[in-house]
Amino acid sequence: MDKDMLIVEYLRIYFHSHPEKVPENPDEAFKLFQKMHKKYKAKYITEFKEKSEKYVDRFFDGKDKNNYY
């Protein structure tokens, strides 16, 4: 699943659970959706990058232990 679609799915679930947070004005609602999408996408990418770096560091730190590459 694409990272954008994953974030959209998170937002869809969030706003479905909290419909009172969606503004009545369509323009304001669209701006809110854009703002939330940008925020969560940045957070998701940052977390994914940190997890990837930890995995690579752990892989190369144990390079003497039966690693087959």
PDB file of N, CA and C in Angstrom:
ATOM      1  N   MET A   1       0.845  -1.171   0.000  1.00  0.00           N
ATOM      2  CA  MET A   1       0.000   0.000   0.000  1.00  0.00           C
ATOM      3  C   MET A   1       0.895   1.242   0.000  1.00  0.00           C
ATOM      4  N   ASP A   2       0.577   2.170  -0.824  1.00  0.00           N
ATOM      5  CA  ASP A   2       1.304   3.422  -0.944  1.00  0.00           C
ATOM      6  C   ASP A   2       1.202   4.216   0.362  1.00  0.00           C
ATOM      7  N   LYS A   3       2.258   4.947   0.693  1.00  0.00           N
ATOM      8  CA  LYS A   3       2.244   5.702   1.958  1.00  0.00           C
ATOM      9  C   LYS A   3       1.145   6.751   1.984  1.00  0.00           C
ATOM     10  N   ASP A   4       0.841   7.371   0.848  1.00  0.00           N
ATOM     11  CA  ASP A   4      -0.246   8.351   0.803  1.00  0.00           C
ATOM     12  C   ASP A   4      -1.591   7.683   1.078  1.00  0.00           C
ATOM     13  N   MET A   5      -1.805   6.526   0.501  1.00  0.00           N
ATOM     14  CA  MET A   5      -3.063   5.823   0.718  1.00  0.00           C
ATOM     15  C   MET A   5      -3.182   5.331   2.160  1.00  0.00           C
ATOM     16  N   LEU A   6      -2.060   4.953   2.751  1.00  0.00           N
ATOM     17  CA  LEU A   6      -2.069   4.528   4.140  1.00  0.00           C
ATOM     18  C   LEU A   6      -2.457   5.681   5.059  1.00  0.00           C
ATOM     19  N   ILE A   7      -1.910   6.852   4.813  1.00  0.00           N
ATOM     20  CA  ILE A   7      -2.237   8.034   5.609  1.00  0.00           C
ATOM     21  C   ILE A   7      -3.706   8.418   5.395  1.00  0.00           C
ATOM     22  N   VAL A   8      -4.181   8.345   4.175  1.00  0.00           N
ATOM     23  CA  VAL A   8      -5.591   8.648   3.896  1.00  0.00           C
ATOM     24  C   VAL A   8      -6.490   7.685   4.657  1.00  0.00           C
ATOM     25  N   GLU A   9      -6.098   6.439   4.705  1.00  0.00           N
ATOM     26  CA  GLU A   9      -6.903   5.451   5.442  1.00  0.00           C
ATOM     27  C   GLU A   9      -6.926   5.766   6.936  1.00  0.00           C
ATOM     28  N   TYR A  10      -5.779   6.153   7.500  1.00  0.00           N
ATOM     29  CA  TYR A  10      -5.740   6.570   8.914  1.00  0.00           C
ATOM     30  C   TYR A  10      -6.670   7.754   9.152  1.00  0.00           C
ATOM     31  N   LEU A  11      -6.607   8.736   8.275  1.00  0.00           N
ATOM     32  CA  LEU A  11      -7.448   9.926   8.429  1.00  0.00           C
ATOM     33  C   LEU A  11      -8.928   9.574   8.262  1.00  0.00           C
ATOM     34  N   ARG A  12      -9.229   8.700   7.342  1.00  0.00           N
ATOM     35  CA  ARG A  12     -10.620   8.297   7.142  1.00  0.00           C
ATOM     36  C   ARG A  12     -11.169   7.643   8.406  1.00  0.00           C
ATOM     37  N   ILE A  13     -10.387   6.777   9.015  1.00  0.00           N
ATOM     38  CA  ILE A  13     -10.810   6.118  10.251  1.00  0.00           C
ATOM     39  C   ILE A  13     -10.960   7.143  11.372  1.00  0.00           C
ATOM     40  N   TYR A  14      -9.994   8.055  11.478  1.00  0.00           N
ATOM     41  CA  TYR A  14     -10.040   9.073  12.528  1.00  0.00           C
ATOM     42  C   TYR A  14     -11.280   9.950  12.402  1.00  0.00           C
ATOM     43  N   PHE A  15     -11.537  10.472  11.210  1.00  0.00           N
ATOM     44  CA  PHE A  15     -12.674  11.369  11.036  1.00  0.00           C
ATOM     45  C   PHE A  15     -14.010  10.614  11.053  1.00  0.00           C
ATOM     46  N   HIS A  16     -13.993   9.351  10.738  1.00  0.00           N
ATOM     47  CA  HIS A  16     -15.212   8.556  10.864  1.00  0.00           C
ATOM     48  C   HIS A  16     -15.544   8.353  12.352  1.00  0.00           C
ATOM     49  N   SER A  17     -14.508   8.234  13.170  1.00  0.00           N
ATOM     50  CA  SER A  17     -14.701   8.074  14.611  1.00  0.00           C
ATOM     51  C   SER A  17     -15.043   9.387  15.305  1.00  0.00           C
ATOM     52  N   HIS A  18     -14.607  10.503  14.728  1.00  0.00           N
ATOM     53  CA  HIS A  18     -14.830  11.831  15.316  1.00  0.00           C
ATOM     54  C   HIS A  18     -15.473  12.767  14.285  1.00  0.00           C
ATOM     55  N   PRO A  19     -16.708  12.526  13.910  1.00  0.00           N
ATOM     56  CA  PRO A  19     -17.328  13.360  12.868  1.00  0.00           C
ATOM     57  C   PRO A  19     -17.553  14.810  13.307  1.00  0.00           C
ATOM     58  N   GLU A  20     -17.575  15.058  14.602  1.00  0.00           N
ATOM     59  CA  GLU A  20     -17.779  16.429  15.078  1.00  0.00           C
ATOM     60  C   GLU A  20     -16.577  17.335  14.798  1.00  0.00           C
ATOM     61  N   LYS A  21     -15.435  16.762  14.485  1.00  0.00           N
ATOM     62  CA  LYS A  21     -14.237  17.556  14.209  1.00  0.00           C
ATOM     63  C   LYS A  21     -14.158  18.029  12.762  1.00  0.00           C
ATOM     64  N   VAL A  22     -15.031  17.545  11.911  1.00  0.00           N
ATOM     65  CA  VAL A  22     -15.046  17.953  10.506  1.00  0.00           C
ATOM     66  C   VAL A  22     -15.885  19.236  10.386  1.00  0.00           C
ATOM     67  N   PRO A  23     -15.287  20.327   9.890  1.00  0.00           N
ATOM     68  CA  PRO A  23     -16.037  21.572   9.739  1.00  0.00           C
ATOM     69  C   PRO A  23     -17.166  21.449   8.710  1.00  0.00           C
ATOM     70  N   GLU A  24     -18.190  22.247   8.887  1.00  0.00           N
ATOM     71  CA  GLU A  24     -19.335  22.242   7.961  1.00  0.00           C
ATOM     72  C   GLU A  24     -18.973  22.841   6.597  1.00  0.00           C
ATOM     73  N   ASN A  25     -18.125  23.853   6.615  1.00  0.00           N
ATOM     74  CA  ASN A  25     -17.703  24.517   5.389  1.00  0.00           C
ATOM     75  C   ASN A  25     -16.771  23.578   4.601  1.00  0.00           C
ATOM     76  N   PRO A  26     -17.083  23.252   3.359  1.00  0.00           N
ATOM     77  CA  PRO A  26     -16.245  22.326   2.579  1.00  0.00           C
ATOM     78  C   PRO A  26     -14.803  22.817   2.386  1.00  0.00           C
ATOM     79  N   ASP A  27     -14.624  24.137   2.215  1.00  0.00           N
ATOM     80  CA  ASP A  27     -13.267  24.658   2.030  1.00  0.00           C
ATOM     81  C   ASP A  27     -12.430  24.493   3.290  1.00  0.00           C
ATOM     82  N   GLU A  28     -13.036  24.772   4.440  1.00  0.00           N
ATOM     83  CA  GLU A  28     -12.324  24.590   5.708  1.00  0.00           C
ATOM     84  C   GLU A  28     -12.030  23.117   5.958  1.00  0.00           C
ATOM     85  N   ALA A  29     -12.982  22.265   5.626  1.00  0.00           N
ATOM     86  CA  ALA A  29     -12.775  20.825   5.793  1.00  0.00           C
ATOM     87  C   ALA A  29     -11.624  20.343   4.910  1.00  0.00           C
ATOM     88  N   PHE A  30     -11.584  20.814   3.665  1.00  0.00           N
ATOM     89  CA  PHE A  30     -10.513  20.429   2.754  1.00  0.00           C
ATOM     90  C   PHE A  30      -9.160  20.895   3.274  1.00  0.00           C
ATOM     91  N   LYS A  31      -9.088  22.126   3.775  1.00  0.00           N
ATOM     92  CA  LYS A  31      -7.827  22.634   4.345  1.00  0.00           C
ATOM     93  C   LYS A  31      -7.403  21.806   5.552  1.00  0.00           C
ATOM     94  N   LEU A  32      -8.376  21.424   6.391  1.00  0.00           N
ATOM     95  CA  LEU A  32      -8.065  20.592   7.548  1.00  0.00           C
ATOM     96  C   LEU A  32      -7.529  19.230   7.110  1.00  0.00           C
ATOM     97  N   PHE A  33      -8.158  18.629   6.108  1.00  0.00           N
ATOM     98  CA  PHE A  33      -7.700  17.330   5.609  1.00  0.00           C
ATOM     99  C   PHE A  33      -6.288  17.424   5.039  1.00  0.00           C
ATOM    100  N   GLN A  34      -6.014  18.487   4.291  1.00  0.00           N
ATOM    101  CA  GLN A  34      -4.669  18.677   3.738  1.00  0.00           C
ATOM    102  C   GLN A  34      -3.633  18.841   4.842  1.00  0.00           C
ATOM    103  N   LYS A  35      -3.974  19.646   5.835  1.00  0.00           N
ATOM    104  CA  LYS A  35      -3.053  19.901   6.949  1.00  0.00           C
ATOM    105  C   LYS A  35      -2.754  18.607   7.708  1.00  0.00           C
ATOM    106  N   MET A  36      -3.807  17.847   8.009  1.00  0.00           N
ATOM    107  CA  MET A  36      -3.628  16.598   8.749  1.00  0.00           C
ATOM    108  C   MET A  36      -2.849  15.580   7.911  1.00  0.00           C
ATOM    109  N   HIS A  37      -3.121  15.507   6.610  1.00  0.00           N
ATOM    110  CA  HIS A  37      -2.415  14.569   5.743  1.00  0.00           C
ATOM    111  C   HIS A  37      -0.925  14.893   5.716  1.00  0.00           C
ATOM    112  N   LYS A  38      -0.596  16.158   5.573  1.00  0.00           N
ATOM    113  CA  LYS A  38       0.812  16.573   5.531  1.00  0.00           C
ATOM    114  C   LYS A  38       1.505  16.244   6.854  1.00  0.00           C
ATOM    115  N   LYS A  39       0.827  16.515   7.953  1.00  0.00           N
ATOM    116  CA  LYS A  39       1.398  16.265   9.278  1.00  0.00           C
ATOM    117  C   LYS A  39       1.667  14.780   9.493  1.00  0.00           C
ATOM    118  N   TYR A  40       0.674  13.939   9.223  1.00  0.00           N
ATOM    119  CA  TYR A  40       0.838  12.511   9.450  1.00  0.00           C
ATOM    120  C   TYR A  40       1.782  11.866   8.456  1.00  0.00           C
ATOM    121  N   LYS A  41       1.826  12.374   7.246  1.00  0.00           N
ATOM    122  CA  LYS A  41       2.754  11.829   6.251  1.00  0.00           C
ATOM    123  C   LYS A  41       4.195  12.089   6.690  1.00  0.00           C
ATOM    124  N   ALA A  42       4.477  13.300   7.173  1.00  0.00           N
ATOM    125  CA  ALA A  42       5.823  13.620   7.650  1.00  0.00           C
ATOM    126  C   ALA A  42       6.195  12.740   8.842  1.00  0.00           C
ATOM    127  N   LYS A  43       5.251  12.555   9.746  1.00  0.00           N
ATOM    128  CA  LYS A  43       5.505  11.716  10.924  1.00  0.00           C
ATOM    129  C   LYS A  43       5.750  10.266  10.509  1.00  0.00           C
ATOM    130  N   TYR A  44       4.948   9.762   9.586  1.00  0.00           N
ATOM    131  CA  TYR A  44       5.082   8.384   9.115  1.00  0.00           C
ATOM    132  C   TYR A  44       6.439   8.171   8.443  1.00  0.00           C
ATOM    133  N   ILE A  45       6.836   9.104   7.588  1.00  0.00           N
ATOM    134  CA  ILE A  45       8.115   8.974   6.887  1.00  0.00           C
ATOM    135  C   ILE A  45       9.277   9.028   7.870  1.00  0.00           C
ATOM    136  N   THR A  46       9.194   9.914   8.862  1.00  0.00           N
ATOM    137  CA  THR A  46      10.250  10.019   9.868  1.00  0.00           C
ATOM    138  C   THR A  46      10.384   8.725  10.660  1.00  0.00           C
ATOM    139  N   GLU A  47       9.264   8.165  11.090  1.00  0.00           N
ATOM    140  CA  GLU A  47       9.300   6.911  11.839  1.00  0.00           C
ATOM    141  C   GLU A  47       9.842   5.771  10.988  1.00  0.00           C
ATOM    142  N   PHE A  48       9.432   5.699   9.729  1.00  0.00           N
ATOM    143  CA  PHE A  48       9.909   4.650   8.842  1.00  0.00           C
ATOM    144  C   PHE A  48      11.417   4.778   8.622  1.00  0.00           C
ATOM    145  N   LYS A  49      11.895   5.992   8.470  1.00  0.00           N
ATOM    146  CA  LYS A  49      13.332   6.222   8.270  1.00  0.00           C
ATOM    147  C   LYS A  49      14.116   5.779   9.498  1.00  0.00           C
ATOM    148  N   GLU A  50      13.629   6.115  10.701  1.00  0.00           N
ATOM    149  CA  GLU A  50      14.312   5.720  11.929  1.00  0.00           C
ATOM    150  C   GLU A  50      14.346   4.200  12.074  1.00  0.00           C
ATOM    151  N   LYS A  51      13.232   3.532  11.788  1.00  0.00           N
ATOM    152  CA  LYS A  51      13.190   2.080  11.882  1.00  0.00           C
ATOM    153  C   LYS A  51      14.136   1.434  10.882  1.00  0.00           C
ATOM    154  N   SER A  52      14.210   1.985   9.682  1.00  0.00           N
ATOM    155  CA  SER A  52      15.109   1.445   8.662  1.00  0.00           C
ATOM    156  C   SER A  52      16.564   1.607   9.076  1.00  0.00           C
ATOM    157  N   GLU A  53      16.893   2.772   9.630  1.00  0.00           N
ATOM    158  CA  GLU A  53      18.273   3.000  10.075  1.00  0.00           C
ATOM    159  C   GLU A  53      18.646   2.051  11.205  1.00  0.00           C
ATOM    160  N   LYS A  54      17.728   1.811  12.133  1.00  0.00           N
ATOM    161  CA  LYS A  54      18.004   0.879  13.228  1.00  0.00           C
ATOM    162  C   LYS A  54      18.218  -0.532  12.698  1.00  0.00           C
ATOM    163  N   TYR A  55      17.408  -0.930  11.724  1.00  0.00           N
ATOM    164  CA  TYR A  55      17.550  -2.265  11.145  1.00  0.00           C
ATOM    165  C   TYR A  55      18.901  -2.420  10.463  1.00  0.00           C
ATOM    166  N   VAL A  56      19.289  -1.431   9.676  1.00  0.00           N
ATOM    167  CA  VAL A  56      20.567  -1.499   8.964  1.00  0.00           C
ATOM    168  C   VAL A  56      21.723  -1.499   9.955  1.00  0.00           C
ATOM    169  N   ASP A  57      21.639  -0.661  10.988  1.00  0.00           N
ATOM    170  CA  ASP A  57      22.702  -0.632  11.996  1.00  0.00           C
ATOM    171  C   ASP A  57      22.817  -1.977  12.703  1.00  0.00           C
ATOM    172  N   ARG A  58      21.691  -2.566  13.044  1.00  0.00           N
ATOM    173  CA  ARG A  58      21.701  -3.853  13.732  1.00  0.00           C
ATOM    174  C   ARG A  58      22.263  -4.939  12.814  1.00  0.00           C
ATOM    175  N   PHE A  59      21.940  -4.870  11.533  1.00  0.00           N
ATOM    176  CA  PHE A  59      22.443  -5.858  10.576  1.00  0.00           C
ATOM    177  C   PHE A  59      23.958  -5.785  10.447  1.00  0.00           C
ATOM    178  N   PHE A  60      24.488  -4.577  10.332  1.00  0.00           N
ATOM    179  CA  PHE A  60      25.927  -4.446  10.133  1.00  0.00           C
ATOM    180  C   PHE A  60      26.725  -4.548  11.422  1.00  0.00           C
ATOM    181  N   ASP A  61      26.108  -4.310  12.556  1.00  0.00           N
ATOM    182  CA  ASP A  61      26.814  -4.500  13.827  1.00  0.00           C
ATOM    183  C   ASP A  61      27.068  -5.972  14.096  1.00  0.00           C
ATOM    184  N   GLY A  62      26.204  -6.827  13.634  1.00  0.00           N
ATOM    185  CA  GLY A  62      26.361  -8.260  13.842  1.00  0.00           C
ATOM    186  C   GLY A  62      26.894  -8.970  12.619  1.00  0.00           C
ATOM    187  N   LYS A  63      27.774  -8.319  11.847  1.00  0.00           N
ATOM    188  CA  LYS A  63      28.201  -8.898  10.585  1.00  0.00           C
ATOM    189  C   LYS A  63      29.095 -10.136  10.745  1.00  0.00           C
ATOM    190  N   ASP A  64      29.657 -10.379  11.943  1.00  0.00           N
ATOM    191  CA  ASP A  64      30.476 -11.568  12.159  1.00  0.00           C
ATOM    192  C   ASP A  64      29.629 -12.776  12.513  1.00  0.00           C
ATOM    193  N   LYS A  65      28.323 -12.597  12.686  1.00  0.00           N
ATOM    194  CA  LYS A  65      27.458 -13.672  13.164  1.00  0.00           C
ATOM    195  C   LYS A  65      26.655 -14.296  12.021  1.00  0.00           C
ATOM    196  N   ASN A  66      27.190 -15.198  11.298  1.00  0.00           N
ATOM    197  CA  ASN A  66      26.468 -15.999  10.310  1.00  0.00           C
ATOM    198  C   ASN A  66      25.555 -15.212   9.383  1.00  0.00           C
ATOM    199  N   ASN A  67      25.978 -14.095   8.944  1.00  0.00           N
ATOM    200  CA  ASN A  67      25.195 -13.354   7.958  1.00  0.00           C
ATOM    201  C   ASN A  67      25.582 -13.837   6.570  1.00  0.00           C
ATOM    202  N   TYR A  68      24.586 -14.165   5.810  1.00  0.00           N
ATOM    203  CA  TYR A  68      24.835 -14.663   4.456  1.00  0.00           C
ATOM    204  C   TYR A  68      24.420 -13.607   3.454  1.00  0.00           C
ATOM    205  N   TYR A  69      25.405 -12.999   2.858  1.00  0.00           N
ATOM    206  CA  TYR A  69      25.137 -11.989   1.833  1.00  0.00           C
ATOM    207  C   TYR A  69      26.253 -11.964   0.851  1.00  0.00           C
TER     208      TYR A  69
END
